[in-house]
């Protein structure tokens, strides 16, 4: 008996991308909680562990996610739905903005110390989450439904294979 539904696999890459959106927002929430924890309790073992987990997520899975979209999904969609060009350009612009925000947050998480300003980290974490939430809303309501509608099963299969390869997974 399975208590929880299995996460989508590489055979359902669009489902994987959507599930990743949920994980991204959870990690953003953890970042906000970390900033509040630092303000209330200072640097603790729990703070170090949370910082390590959030850092690892955004430097691996988060980076792969953006590559999945920019290298594979967006070009496929532009070929199948040229009318999405403006939406995709805006999403790519969002990615650059999120990368810029991450470049301000990442060094703080890589070496969390009492010198980290919790208020500044809270502001950046809230902006990071808000930016991701708006971006994800567009992807979940415009991009992924369109991809499900216009991409062939072969294109979706190739997308999944590329995503697996990016993560070092052999299918």
C-alpha atoms as a PDB file:
ATOM      1  CA  UNK A   1       0.000   0.000   0.000  1.00  0.00           C
ATOM      2  CA  UNK A   2       1.344   3.413  -0.971  1.00  0.00           C
ATOM      3  CA  UNK A   3       0.339   6.238   1.386  1.00  0.00           C
ATOM      4  CA  UNK A   4       1.487   9.044  -0.870  1.00  0.00           C
ATOM      5  CA  UNK A   5       1.347   9.257  -4.654  1.00  0.00           C
ATOM      6  CA  UNK A   6       4.671   8.641  -6.330  1.00  0.00           C
ATOM      7  CA  UNK A   7       6.451  11.687  -7.645  1.00  0.00           C
ATOM      8  CA  UNK A   8       6.434  11.994 -11.426  1.00  0.00           C
ATOM      9  CA  UNK A   9       9.427  10.419 -13.134  1.00  0.00           C
ATOM     10  CA  UNK A  10      11.371  11.108 -16.297  1.00  0.00           C
ATOM     11  CA  UNK A  11       8.573   9.419 -18.251  1.00  0.00           C
ATOM     12  CA  UNK A  12       6.415  12.410 -17.211  1.00  0.00           C
ATOM     13  CA  UNK A  13       8.838  15.335 -17.514  1.00  0.00           C
ATOM     14  CA  UNK A  14       6.087  17.970 -17.522  1.00  0.00           C
ATOM     15  CA  UNK A  15       4.768  16.498 -14.279  1.00  0.00           C
ATOM     16  CA  UNK A  16       8.318  16.543 -12.910  1.00  0.00           C
ATOM     17  CA  UNK A  17       8.684  20.223 -13.755  1.00  0.00           C
ATOM     18  CA  UNK A  18       5.400  21.034 -12.035  1.00  0.00           C
ATOM     19  CA  UNK A  19       6.333  18.978  -8.960  1.00  0.00           C
ATOM     20  CA  UNK A  20       9.656  20.801  -8.869  1.00  0.00           C
ATOM     21  CA  UNK A  21       7.746  24.081  -8.659  1.00  0.00           C
ATOM     22  CA  UNK A  22       6.182  22.896  -5.413  1.00  0.00           C
ATOM     23  CA  UNK A  23       9.605  21.927  -4.034  1.00  0.00           C
ATOM     24  CA  UNK A  24      11.085  25.283  -5.070  1.00  0.00           C
ATOM     25  CA  UNK A  25       8.423  27.150  -3.097  1.00  0.00           C
ATOM     26  CA  UNK A  26       9.006  24.879  -0.084  1.00  0.00           C
ATOM     27  CA  UNK A  27      12.707  25.665  -0.219  1.00  0.00           C
ATOM     28  CA  UNK A  28      11.899  29.378  -0.446  1.00  0.00           C
ATOM     29  CA  UNK A  29       9.717  28.971   2.647  1.00  0.00           C
ATOM     30  CA  UNK A  30      12.609  27.233   4.418  1.00  0.00           C
ATOM     31  CA  UNK A  31      14.835  30.176   3.518  1.00  0.00           C
ATOM     32  CA  UNK A  32      12.337  32.605   5.052  1.00  0.00           C
ATOM     33  CA  UNK A  33      12.059  30.458   8.182  1.00  0.00           C
ATOM     34  CA  UNK A  34      15.855  30.338   8.395  1.00  0.00           C
ATOM     35  CA  UNK A  35      16.071  34.131   8.296  1.00  0.00           C
ATOM     36  CA  UNK A  36      13.473  34.386  11.061  1.00  0.00           C
ATOM     37  CA  UNK A  37      15.261  31.700  13.071  1.00  0.00           C
ATOM     38  CA  UNK A  38      18.498  33.687  12.836  1.00  0.00           C
ATOM     39  CA  UNK A  39      16.692  36.787  14.087  1.00  0.00           C
ATOM     40  CA  UNK A  40      15.110  34.919  17.013  1.00  0.00           C
ATOM     41  CA  UNK A  41      17.738  32.351  18.007  1.00  0.00           C
ATOM     42  CA  UNK A  42      20.928  33.199  16.159  1.00  0.00           C
ATOM     43  CA  UNK A  43      23.210  30.710  14.464  1.00  0.00           C
ATOM     44  CA  UNK A  44      22.390  27.207  15.679  1.00  0.00           C
ATOM     45  CA  UNK A  45      22.989  23.701  14.399  1.00  0.00           C
ATOM     46  CA  UNK A  46      19.475  23.746  12.985  1.00  0.00           C
ATOM     47  CA  UNK A  47      20.246  27.003  11.156  1.00  0.00           C
ATOM     48  CA  UNK A  48      23.419  25.497   9.671  1.00  0.00           C
ATOM     49  CA  UNK A  49      21.531  22.409   8.498  1.00  0.00           C
ATOM     50  CA  UNK A  50      18.686  24.415   6.950  1.00  0.00           C
ATOM     51  CA  UNK A  51      21.172  26.710   5.217  1.00  0.00           C
ATOM     52  CA  UNK A  52      23.033  23.659   3.862  1.00  0.00           C
ATOM     53  CA  UNK A  53      19.835  22.065   2.548  1.00  0.00           C
ATOM     54  CA  UNK A  54      18.531  25.223   0.877  1.00  0.00           C
ATOM     55  CA  UNK A  55      21.971  25.947  -0.585  1.00  0.00           C
ATOM     56  CA  UNK A  56      22.299  22.416  -1.961  1.00  0.00           C
ATOM     57  CA  UNK A  57      18.799  22.496  -3.459  1.00  0.00           C
ATOM     58  CA  UNK A  58      19.212  25.745  -5.375  1.00  0.00           C
ATOM     59  CA  UNK A  59      22.753  24.972  -6.548  1.00  0.00           C
ATOM     60  CA  UNK A  60      21.738  21.554  -7.918  1.00  0.00           C
ATOM     61  CA  UNK A  61      18.027  20.853  -8.475  1.00  0.00           C
ATOM     62  CA  UNK A  62      17.133  24.517  -8.922  1.00  0.00           C
ATOM     63  CA  UNK A  63      19.874  24.998 -11.498  1.00  0.00           C
ATOM     64  CA  UNK A  64      18.853  21.804 -13.330  1.00  0.00           C
ATOM     65  CA  UNK A  65      15.246  23.000 -13.382  1.00  0.00           C
ATOM     66  CA  UNK A  66      16.150  26.256 -15.131  1.00  0.00           C
ATOM     67  CA  UNK A  67      18.301  24.333 -17.621  1.00  0.00           C
ATOM     68  CA  UNK A  68      15.433  21.898 -18.269  1.00  0.00           C
ATOM     69  CA  UNK A  69      13.266  24.830 -19.234  1.00  0.00           C
ATOM     70  CA  UNK A  70      15.754  27.015 -21.092  1.00  0.00           C
ATOM     71  CA  UNK A  71      17.717  24.331 -22.935  1.00  0.00           C
ATOM     72  CA  UNK A  72      14.914  21.891 -23.678  1.00  0.00           C
ATOM     73  CA  UNK A  73      11.315  22.927 -22.938  1.00  0.00           C
ATOM     74  CA  UNK A  74      11.295  26.540 -24.138  1.00  0.00           C
ATOM     75  CA  UNK A  75      12.895  25.784 -27.533  1.00  0.00           C
ATOM     76  CA  UNK A  76      10.415  22.936 -28.088  1.00  0.00           C
ATOM     77  CA  UNK A  77       7.514  25.233 -27.261  1.00  0.00           C
ATOM     78  CA  UNK A  78       8.788  28.037 -29.472  1.00  0.00           C
ATOM     79  CA  UNK A  79       8.899  25.586 -32.360  1.00  0.00           C
ATOM     80  CA  UNK A  80       5.379  24.335 -31.683  1.00  0.00           C
ATOM     81  CA  UNK A  81       3.743  27.572 -30.464  1.00  0.00           C
ATOM     82  CA  UNK A  82       5.578  30.645 -31.809  1.00  0.00           C
ATOM     83  CA  UNK A  83       2.884  32.824 -30.211  1.00  0.00           C
ATOM     84  CA  UNK A  84       4.486  32.075 -26.837  1.00  0.00           C
ATOM     85  CA  UNK A  85       7.655  33.978 -27.733  1.00  0.00           C
ATOM     86  CA  UNK A  86       6.844  36.980 -25.514  1.00  0.00           C
ATOM     87  CA  UNK A  87       5.802  34.787 -22.568  1.00  0.00           C
ATOM     88  CA  UNK A  88       8.948  32.683 -22.870  1.00  0.00           C
ATOM     89  CA  UNK A  89      11.145  35.784 -23.170  1.00  0.00           C
ATOM     90  CA  UNK A  90       9.565  37.117 -19.970  1.00  0.00           C
ATOM     91  CA  UNK A  91      10.159  33.802 -18.190  1.00  0.00           C
ATOM     92  CA  UNK A  92      13.798  33.783 -19.309  1.00  0.00           C
ATOM     93  CA  UNK A  93      14.106  37.340 -17.997  1.00  0.00           C
ATOM     94  CA  UNK A  94      12.640  36.101 -14.693  1.00  0.00           C
ATOM     95  CA  UNK A  95      15.323  33.400 -14.579  1.00  0.00           C
ATOM     96  CA  UNK A  96      18.055  36.051 -14.880  1.00  0.00           C
ATOM     97  CA  UNK A  97      16.417  38.027 -12.060  1.00  0.00           C
ATOM     98  CA  UNK A  98      16.154  34.956  -9.837  1.00  0.00           C
ATOM     99  CA  UNK A  99      19.791  34.112 -10.539  1.00  0.00           C
ATOM    100  CA  UNK A 100      20.733  37.661  -9.528  1.00  0.00           C
ATOM    101  CA  UNK A 101      18.764  37.367  -6.291  1.00  0.00           C
ATOM    102  CA  UNK A 102      20.312  33.958  -5.636  1.00  0.00           C
ATOM    103  CA  UNK A 103      23.802  35.434  -6.117  1.00  0.00           C
ATOM    104  CA  UNK A 104      23.034  37.763  -3.187  1.00  0.00           C
ATOM    105  CA  UNK A 105      21.654  34.969  -0.984  1.00  0.00           C
ATOM    106  CA  UNK A 106      24.009  32.104  -1.849  1.00  0.00           C
ATOM    107  CA  UNK A 107      27.163  33.412  -0.137  1.00  0.00           C
ATOM    108  CA  UNK A 108      25.210  33.947   3.071  1.00  0.00           C
ATOM    109  CA  UNK A 109      24.047  30.335   3.079  1.00  0.00           C
ATOM    110  CA  UNK A 110      27.428  28.931   2.066  1.00  0.00           C
ATOM    111  CA  UNK A 111      28.969  30.301   5.251  1.00  0.00           C
ATOM    112  CA  UNK A 112      26.254  31.195   7.731  1.00  0.00           C
ATOM    113  CA  UNK A 113      27.772  33.156  10.604  1.00  0.00           C
ATOM    114  CA  UNK A 114      26.554  35.554  13.295  1.00  0.00           C
ATOM    115  CA  UNK A 115      27.582  38.360  10.921  1.00  0.00           C
ATOM    116  CA  UNK A 116      24.633  37.513   8.614  1.00  0.00           C
ATOM    117  CA  UNK A 117      22.028  40.260   8.974  1.00  0.00           C
ATOM    118  CA  UNK A 118      18.708  38.426   9.546  1.00  0.00           C
ATOM    119  CA  UNK A 119      16.606  41.414   8.450  1.00  0.00           C
ATOM    120  CA  UNK A 120      18.475  41.729   5.160  1.00  0.00           C
ATOM    121  CA  UNK A 121      18.241  37.964   4.606  1.00  0.00           C
ATOM    122  CA  UNK A 122      14.510  38.092   5.361  1.00  0.00           C
ATOM    123  CA  UNK A 123      13.979  40.871   2.779  1.00  0.00           C
ATOM    124  CA  UNK A 124      15.931  38.991   0.137  1.00  0.00           C
ATOM    125  CA  UNK A 125      14.225  35.691   0.969  1.00  0.00           C
ATOM    126  CA  UNK A 126      10.767  37.275   0.712  1.00  0.00           C
ATOM    127  CA  UNK A 127      11.657  38.891  -2.631  1.00  0.00           C
ATOM    128  CA  UNK A 128      13.120  35.593  -3.878  1.00  0.00           C
ATOM    129  CA  UNK A 129       9.952  33.706  -2.952  1.00  0.00           C
ATOM    130  CA  UNK A 130       7.617  36.338  -4.414  1.00  0.00           C
ATOM    131  CA  UNK A 131       9.573  36.350  -7.665  1.00  0.00           C
ATOM    132  CA  UNK A 132       9.493  32.559  -7.876  1.00  0.00           C
ATOM    133  CA  UNK A 133       5.788  32.384  -6.971  1.00  0.00           C
ATOM    134  CA  UNK A 134       4.782  34.774  -9.774  1.00  0.00           C
ATOM    135  CA  UNK A 135       7.071  32.998 -12.226  1.00  0.00           C
ATOM    136  CA  UNK A 136       5.752  29.565 -11.290  1.00  0.00           C
ATOM    137  CA  UNK A 137       2.168  30.764 -11.629  1.00  0.00           C
ATOM    138  CA  UNK A 138       2.866  31.709 -15.266  1.00  0.00           C
ATOM    139  CA  UNK A 139       4.569  28.417 -15.980  1.00  0.00           C
ATOM    140  CA  UNK A 140       1.859  26.327 -14.326  1.00  0.00           C
ATOM    141  CA  UNK A 141      -1.013  28.176 -16.002  1.00  0.00           C
ATOM    142  CA  UNK A 142       0.452  29.016 -19.433  1.00  0.00           C
ATOM    143  CA  UNK A 143       3.548  27.007 -20.295  1.00  0.00           C
ATOM    144  CA  UNK A 144       2.872  23.534 -18.921  1.00  0.00           C
ATOM    145  CA  UNK A 145      -0.740  23.318 -20.183  1.00  0.00           C
ATOM    146  CA  UNK A 146       0.392  24.495 -23.625  1.00  0.00           C
ATOM    147  CA  UNK A 147       3.246  21.981 -23.609  1.00  0.00           C
ATOM    148  CA  UNK A 148       0.810  19.177 -22.771  1.00  0.00           C
ATOM    149  CA  UNK A 149      -1.388  20.335 -25.630  1.00  0.00           C
ATOM    150  CA  UNK A 150       1.117  20.878 -28.440  1.00  0.00           C
ATOM    151  CA  UNK A 151       4.145  18.656 -27.821  1.00  0.00           C
ATOM    152  CA  UNK A 152       4.206  15.190 -29.320  1.00  0.00           C
ATOM    153  CA  UNK A 153       4.788  12.101 -27.222  1.00  0.00           C
ATOM    154  CA  UNK A 154       8.196  11.805 -28.910  1.00  0.00           C
ATOM    155  CA  UNK A 155       9.124  15.382 -27.913  1.00  0.00           C
ATOM    156  CA  UNK A 156       7.980  14.761 -24.350  1.00  0.00           C
ATOM    157  CA  UNK A 157       9.984  11.537 -24.244  1.00  0.00           C
ATOM    158  CA  UNK A 158      13.090  13.386 -25.505  1.00  0.00           C
ATOM    159  CA  UNK A 159      12.531  16.093 -22.898  1.00  0.00           C
ATOM    160  CA  UNK A 160      12.465  13.445 -20.152  1.00  0.00           C
ATOM    161  CA  UNK A 161      15.604  11.768 -21.522  1.00  0.00           C
ATOM    162  CA  UNK A 162      17.448  15.097 -21.586  1.00  0.00           C
ATOM    163  CA  UNK A 163      16.346  15.877 -18.036  1.00  0.00           C
ATOM    164  CA  UNK A 164      17.580  12.463 -16.869  1.00  0.00           C
ATOM    165  CA  UNK A 165      20.903  12.898 -18.655  1.00  0.00           C
ATOM    166  CA  UNK A 166      21.368  16.331 -17.065  1.00  0.00           C
ATOM    167  CA  UNK A 167      21.088  14.648 -13.659  1.00  0.00           C
ATOM    168  CA  UNK A 168      23.348  11.750 -14.545  1.00  0.00           C
ATOM    169  CA  UNK A 169      20.476   9.254 -14.588  1.00  0.00           C
ATOM    170  CA  UNK A 170      20.556   6.439 -17.122  1.00  0.00           C
ATOM    171  CA  UNK A 171      17.191   5.391 -18.495  1.00  0.00           C
END
